[in-house]
Amino acid sequence: MQTTESLKRRIKSAGDLLSVVKTMKALAAVSIRQYQKAVESLEDYNRAVEMGLQIVLKERMGAMTQGRDTSVKRLGAIIFGSDQGLCGQLNEQISVFALDNIKAAGVKKENCKVLAVGARVADYVEDAGLPVEELMATPSSTAGITPLVQEIIMVIEEWHFRRNVDHFILFYNDYISGANYVPYKIQLLPVNRDWLKDIARKKWDSKSLPIFRMDCNRLFSSLIREYLFVSLYRAFAESLASENASRLASMQNAEKNIEEQMQDLNVQFHRTRQMTITEELLDIVAGFEALS
């Protein structure tokens, strides 16, 4: 049977752990909002890029959108996960989702190159038998996203021009609300032709259509590069928001379990203390009776 002193120590330890869990819970909630604001801030930027594409495509719609969708020969998969733990099944879910889609695409393992963002998701992918070509750490804040986006774009260019990778797909967890998220994928390259056609067919908001003097092909390439930046930045922000959402859910469960454990420990402490007091009173009574 535990003594009152040992129960006091256990209650104190549980209380300290509860404080840590509450702090992590608060940090996760704040981080979710931080990354969601980053996604929201992309909307105007993304709208400007689409408007630029709309102008270019209205001039050269046929040349820019012609061609057939080619089959996937060499695939570049960019999978977003986490470096840290305590985020539930987040890494396992996105890795399984990515591997299932890669398998469905009919690409052989030797023709698939993987860039993993987060050491934990890289472990899941490699355990499934798919080697990770490039590994990047997840940023700790929104300020660290932009440099990593630029690094990924450089990797994409190298894989495309030097290793003949013709398709690139992003796999990341898309944040919904609260502690909810879903695995999501987007074809980064080649750019979806139906999407380009939809942009070209949109009605311009004003009566006068802007003109441009820059070479059409160069302008189109620059806008596509901006589209890549927006897509990658959004993938980072959504993935990080989902990671913190998963961590928030884990901390909520941990908080509930610790509070229940503390309640049980307090009951045990009061019961043990009462038994100790009762035993001491009985010893006093027995001693009094013996003296009498």
Protein backbone atom coordinates (compact mmCIF):
# COMPACT_ATOMS: atom_id res chain seq x y z
CA MET A 1 0.00 0.00 0.00
CA GLN A 2 1.30 3.47 -0.91
CA THR A 3 2.09 5.99 1.79
CA THR A 4 0.73 9.52 1.91
CA GLU A 5 4.18 10.88 1.05
CA SER A 6 4.50 8.77 -2.10
CA LEU A 7 0.98 9.78 -3.16
CA LYS A 8 1.86 13.45 -2.60
CA ARG A 9 4.86 13.05 -4.89
CA ARG A 10 2.76 11.38 -7.58
CA ILE A 11 0.11 14.12 -7.36
CA LYS A 12 2.80 16.80 -7.69
CA SER A 13 4.36 15.05 -10.70
CA ALA A 14 0.96 14.73 -12.37
CA GLY A 15 0.30 18.42 -11.70
CA ASP A 16 3.62 19.42 -13.29
CA LEU A 17 2.89 17.24 -16.30
CA LEU A 18 -0.57 18.77 -16.61
CA SER A 19 0.99 22.25 -16.71
CA VAL A 20 3.29 21.17 -19.55
CA VAL A 21 0.40 19.64 -21.47
CA LYS A 22 -1.70 22.80 -21.09
CA THR A 23 1.21 24.91 -22.32
CA MET A 24 1.69 22.69 -25.37
CA LYS A 25 -2.04 22.78 -26.00
CA ALA A 26 -2.04 26.59 -25.95
CA LEU A 27 1.01 26.76 -28.25
CA ALA A 28 -0.63 24.38 -30.71
CA ALA A 29 -3.80 26.48 -30.79
CA VAL A 30 -1.79 29.68 -31.38
CA SER A 31 0.29 28.01 -34.11
CA ILE A 32 -2.81 26.82 -35.95
CA ARG A 33 -4.08 30.39 -36.16
CA GLN A 34 -0.65 31.62 -37.26
CA TYR A 35 -0.50 29.21 -40.20
CA GLN A 36 -4.13 29.79 -41.12
CA LYS A 37 -3.43 33.52 -41.35
CA ALA A 38 -0.54 32.69 -43.68
CA VAL A 39 -2.91 30.71 -45.92
CA GLU A 40 -5.44 33.54 -45.89
CA SER A 41 -2.75 36.05 -46.83
CA LEU A 42 -2.00 33.97 -49.94
CA GLU A 43 -5.47 34.51 -51.39
CA ASP A 44 -4.81 38.02 -52.74
CA TYR A 45 -1.39 36.99 -54.03
CA ASN A 46 -2.86 33.92 -55.72
CA ARG A 47 -5.61 36.06 -57.22
CA ALA A 48 -2.99 38.42 -58.71
CA VAL A 49 -1.14 35.46 -60.26
CA GLU A 50 -4.36 34.09 -61.77
CA MET A 51 -5.24 37.50 -63.18
CA GLY A 52 -1.81 37.68 -64.81
CA LEU A 53 -2.31 34.22 -66.31
CA GLN A 54 -5.76 35.27 -67.48
CA ILE A 55 -4.31 38.19 -69.45
CA VAL A 56 -1.56 36.07 -71.02
CA LEU A 57 -3.89 33.18 -71.86
CA LYS A 58 -6.42 35.45 -73.55
CA GLU A 59 -3.62 36.43 -75.96
CA ARG A 60 -2.11 32.98 -76.43
CA MET A 61 -4.76 30.58 -75.18
CA GLY A 62 -4.30 28.07 -78.01
CA ALA A 63 -0.53 27.83 -77.76
CA MET A 64 -0.46 27.65 -73.96
CA THR A 65 -3.24 25.10 -73.44
CA GLN A 66 -2.77 22.79 -76.41
CA GLY A 67 -1.30 19.35 -76.07
CA ARG A 68 -2.33 16.09 -74.54
CA ASP A 69 -1.85 14.89 -70.99
CA THR A 70 1.11 12.52 -71.04
CA SER A 71 1.34 9.35 -68.98
CA VAL A 72 3.46 9.39 -65.85
CA LYS A 73 6.92 7.96 -66.60
CA ARG A 74 8.98 9.48 -63.83
CA LEU A 75 7.30 10.87 -60.75
CA GLY A 76 8.55 13.34 -58.16
CA ALA A 77 6.57 13.03 -54.93
CA ILE A 78 6.86 15.77 -52.32
CA ILE A 79 5.44 14.54 -49.01
CA PHE A 80 4.87 16.87 -46.06
CA GLY A 81 4.96 15.51 -42.52
CA SER A 82 6.58 16.49 -39.22
CA ASP A 83 9.92 16.38 -37.43
CA GLN A 84 8.41 16.27 -33.94
CA GLY A 85 6.21 13.70 -32.29
CA LEU A 86 3.06 13.97 -30.20
CA CYS A 87 0.94 14.54 -33.30
CA GLY A 88 -1.09 11.33 -33.44
CA GLN A 89 -1.38 9.48 -36.75
CA LEU A 90 -0.54 12.51 -38.91
CA ASN A 91 2.67 11.11 -40.46
CA GLU A 92 1.33 7.61 -40.89
CA GLN A 93 -1.86 8.81 -42.58
CA ILE A 94 -0.16 11.07 -45.12
CA SER A 95 2.53 8.48 -45.94
CA VAL A 96 -0.07 5.74 -46.52
CA PHE A 97 -2.13 8.17 -48.64
CA ALA A 98 0.91 9.11 -50.73
CA LEU A 99 2.09 5.53 -51.20
CA ASP A 100 -1.40 4.40 -52.28
CA ASN A 101 -1.58 7.18 -54.88
CA ILE A 102 1.92 6.45 -56.18
CA LYS A 103 0.99 2.79 -56.53
CA ALA A 104 -2.26 3.73 -58.30
CA ALA A 105 -0.27 5.85 -60.78
CA GLY A 106 1.55 2.70 -61.86
CA VAL A 107 5.02 4.16 -61.35
CA LYS A 108 7.85 1.76 -60.55
CA LYS A 109 9.85 2.45 -57.42
CA GLU A 110 13.02 3.10 -59.38
CA ASN A 111 11.18 5.79 -61.39
CA CYS A 112 9.82 7.58 -58.33
CA LYS A 113 11.83 10.17 -56.45
CA VAL A 114 10.65 11.32 -53.04
CA LEU A 115 11.33 14.58 -51.27
CA ALA A 116 10.19 14.33 -47.65
CA VAL A 117 9.57 17.36 -45.46
CA GLY A 118 9.94 16.02 -41.92
CA ALA A 119 12.07 13.19 -40.58
CA ARG A 120 9.15 11.22 -39.17
CA VAL A 121 7.24 10.97 -42.43
CA ALA A 122 10.50 10.02 -44.17
CA ASP A 123 10.86 7.06 -41.79
CA TYR A 124 7.36 5.81 -42.65
CA VAL A 125 8.03 6.10 -46.39
CA GLU A 126 11.37 4.30 -46.20
CA ASP A 127 9.89 1.57 -43.99
CA ALA A 128 7.41 0.94 -46.83
CA GLY A 129 10.34 0.30 -49.19
CA LEU A 130 10.41 3.62 -51.05
CA PRO A 131 13.76 5.43 -50.67
CA VAL A 132 13.76 9.14 -49.83
CA GLU A 133 15.98 11.13 -52.20
CA GLU A 134 15.83 14.46 -50.36
CA LEU A 135 14.98 15.26 -46.74
CA MET A 136 14.13 18.72 -45.42
CA ALA A 137 13.30 19.88 -41.92
CA THR A 138 9.96 21.48 -41.18
CA PRO A 139 10.07 25.22 -40.38
CA SER A 140 9.32 26.38 -36.85
CA SER A 141 7.38 29.46 -37.99
CA THR A 142 5.97 31.14 -41.08
CA ALA A 143 9.25 33.06 -41.50
CA GLY A 144 11.03 29.80 -42.32
CA ILE A 145 8.62 28.70 -45.06
CA THR A 146 9.81 30.94 -47.91
CA PRO A 147 13.49 29.77 -47.91
CA LEU A 148 12.36 26.13 -47.94
CA VAL A 149 9.93 26.80 -50.80
CA GLN A 150 12.82 28.22 -52.82
CA GLU A 151 14.95 25.15 -52.01
CA ILE A 152 12.18 22.81 -53.18
CA ILE A 153 11.78 24.75 -56.44
CA MET A 154 15.52 24.30 -57.06
CA VAL A 155 15.19 20.55 -56.42
CA ILE A 156 12.23 20.37 -58.81
CA GLU A 157 14.23 22.11 -61.54
CA GLU A 158 17.18 19.76 -61.05
CA TRP A 159 15.01 16.63 -61.11
CA HIS A 160 13.15 17.85 -64.19
CA PHE A 161 16.08 18.93 -66.34
CA ARG A 162 18.78 16.51 -65.19
CA ARG A 163 16.81 13.42 -64.22
CA ASN A 164 13.86 13.69 -66.63
CA VAL A 165 11.17 13.69 -63.95
CA ASP A 166 8.01 14.70 -65.83
CA HIS A 167 5.36 14.78 -63.07
CA PHE A 168 5.43 16.35 -59.62
CA ILE A 169 2.73 15.78 -56.99
CA LEU A 170 2.36 17.35 -53.55
CA PHE A 171 1.00 15.25 -50.68
CA TYR A 172 0.06 17.06 -47.49
CA ASN A 173 -2.59 17.22 -44.78
CA ASP A 174 -5.18 19.89 -45.49
CA TYR A 175 -6.42 21.64 -42.34
CA ILE A 176 -10.22 21.87 -41.95
CA SER A 177 -11.10 23.24 -38.52
CA GLY A 178 -10.56 22.57 -34.82
CA ALA A 179 -8.46 19.43 -34.65
CA ASN A 180 -9.60 18.08 -38.03
CA TYR A 181 -7.59 17.62 -41.23
CA VAL A 182 -7.62 15.35 -44.29
CA PRO A 183 -4.86 13.98 -46.57
CA TYR A 184 -4.72 15.95 -49.80
CA LYS A 185 -2.81 15.87 -53.08
CA ILE A 186 -2.27 18.33 -55.90
CA GLN A 187 -0.54 17.88 -59.23
CA LEU A 188 2.11 20.56 -59.27
CA LEU A 189 3.60 19.89 -62.70
CA PRO A 190 2.65 19.67 -65.48
CA VAL A 191 0.09 22.37 -64.81
CA ASN A 192 -3.48 21.18 -65.17
CA ARG A 193 -4.66 22.28 -68.64
CA ASP A 194 -8.32 22.34 -67.64
CA TRP A 195 -7.43 24.80 -64.87
CA LEU A 196 -5.64 27.02 -67.40
CA LYS A 197 -8.63 26.88 -69.75
CA ASP A 198 -11.00 27.85 -66.93
CA ILE A 199 -8.81 30.85 -66.10
CA ALA A 200 -8.67 31.91 -69.75
CA ARG A 201 -12.47 31.74 -70.08
CA LYS A 202 -13.14 33.87 -67.01
CA LYS A 203 -14.77 37.24 -67.62
CA TRP A 204 -12.49 40.18 -66.91
CA ASP A 205 -13.80 42.37 -64.09
CA SER A 206 -13.40 45.70 -65.93
CA LYS A 207 -14.16 46.76 -69.51
CA SER A 208 -10.53 47.36 -70.51
CA LEU A 209 -8.12 44.43 -70.66
CA PRO A 210 -4.55 45.23 -69.51
CA ILE A 211 -1.73 44.91 -72.03
CA PHE A 212 1.84 43.73 -71.55
CA ARG A 213 5.09 44.40 -73.42
CA MET A 214 7.16 41.52 -72.04
CA ASP A 215 7.72 38.43 -74.20
CA CYS A 216 4.64 36.23 -73.82
CA ASN A 217 6.52 33.00 -73.15
CA ARG A 218 8.81 34.60 -70.58
CA LEU A 219 5.86 36.19 -68.80
CA PHE A 220 3.96 32.90 -68.79
CA SER A 221 6.99 31.07 -67.34
CA SER A 222 7.36 33.73 -64.62
CA LEU A 223 3.70 33.44 -63.67
CA ILE A 224 3.91 29.63 -63.53
CA ARG A 225 6.90 29.98 -61.21
CA GLU A 226 4.78 32.20 -58.95
CA TYR A 227 2.03 29.58 -59.10
CA LEU A 228 4.55 26.98 -57.90
CA PHE A 229 5.56 29.27 -55.05
CA VAL A 230 1.93 29.76 -53.95
CA SER A 231 1.16 26.03 -54.15
CA LEU A 232 4.23 25.03 -52.14
CA TYR A 233 3.76 27.78 -49.56
CA ARG A 234 0.14 26.73 -49.06
CA ALA A 235 1.19 23.07 -48.71
CA PHE A 236 3.70 24.04 -45.99
CA ALA A 237 1.19 26.19 -44.10
CA GLU A 238 -1.65 23.68 -44.31
CA SER A 239 0.61 20.81 -43.27
CA LEU A 240 1.96 22.75 -40.28
CA ALA A 241 -1.56 23.77 -39.27
CA SER A 242 -2.64 20.12 -39.50
CA GLU A 243 0.37 19.02 -37.44
CA ASN A 244 -0.56 21.42 -34.67
CA ALA A 245 -4.22 20.41 -34.95
CA SER A 246 -3.22 16.78 -34.43
CA ARG A 247 -0.98 17.80 -31.53
CA LEU A 248 -3.85 19.81 -30.05
CA ALA A 249 -6.08 16.72 -30.15
CA SER A 250 -3.34 14.62 -28.53
CA MET A 251 -2.83 17.19 -25.77
CA GLN A 252 -6.58 17.38 -25.13
CA ASN A 253 -6.68 13.60 -24.65
CA ALA A 254 -3.56 13.73 -22.45
CA GLU A 255 -5.07 16.54 -20.37
CA LYS A 256 -8.24 14.54 -19.81
CA ASN A 257 -6.28 11.41 -18.82
CA ILE A 258 -4.02 13.32 -16.41
CA GLU A 259 -6.99 15.04 -14.75
CA GLU A 260 -8.69 11.67 -14.26
CA GLN A 261 -5.47 10.22 -12.83
CA MET A 262 -5.08 13.18 -10.47
CA GLN A 263 -8.65 12.71 -9.29
CA ASP A 264 -7.96 9.04 -8.54
CA LEU A 265 -4.71 9.91 -6.75
CA ASN A 266 -6.45 12.52 -4.61
CA VAL A 267 -9.11 9.97 -3.63
CA GLN A 268 -6.37 7.48 -2.74
CA PHE A 269 -4.48 10.15 -0.78
CA HIS A 270 -7.49 11.14 1.33
CA ARG A 271 -8.41 7.51 1.93
CA THR A 272 -4.85 6.61 2.97
CA ARG A 273 -4.59 9.70 5.17
CA GLN A 274 -7.89 8.84 6.85
CA MET A 275 -6.77 5.27 7.45
CA THR A 276 -3.49 6.52 8.96
CA ILE A 277 -5.36 8.89 11.30
CA THR A 278 -7.76 6.11 12.28
CA GLU A 279 -4.88 3.73 13.06
CA GLU A 280 -3.16 6.38 15.18
CA LEU A 281 -6.37 7.04 17.14
CA LEU A 282 -6.86 3.32 17.74
CA ASP A 283 -3.26 3.06 19.03
CA ILE A 284 -3.90 5.94 21.44
CA VAL A 285 -7.13 4.35 22.70
CA ALA A 286 -5.44 0.98 23.11
CA GLY A 287 -2.57 2.58 25.02
CA PHE A 288 -4.99 4.45 27.28
CA GLU A 289 -6.93 1.28 28.01
CA ALA A 290 -3.70 -0.59 28.78
CA LEU A 291 -2.62 2.10 31.26
CA SER A 292 -6.07 2.10 32.89
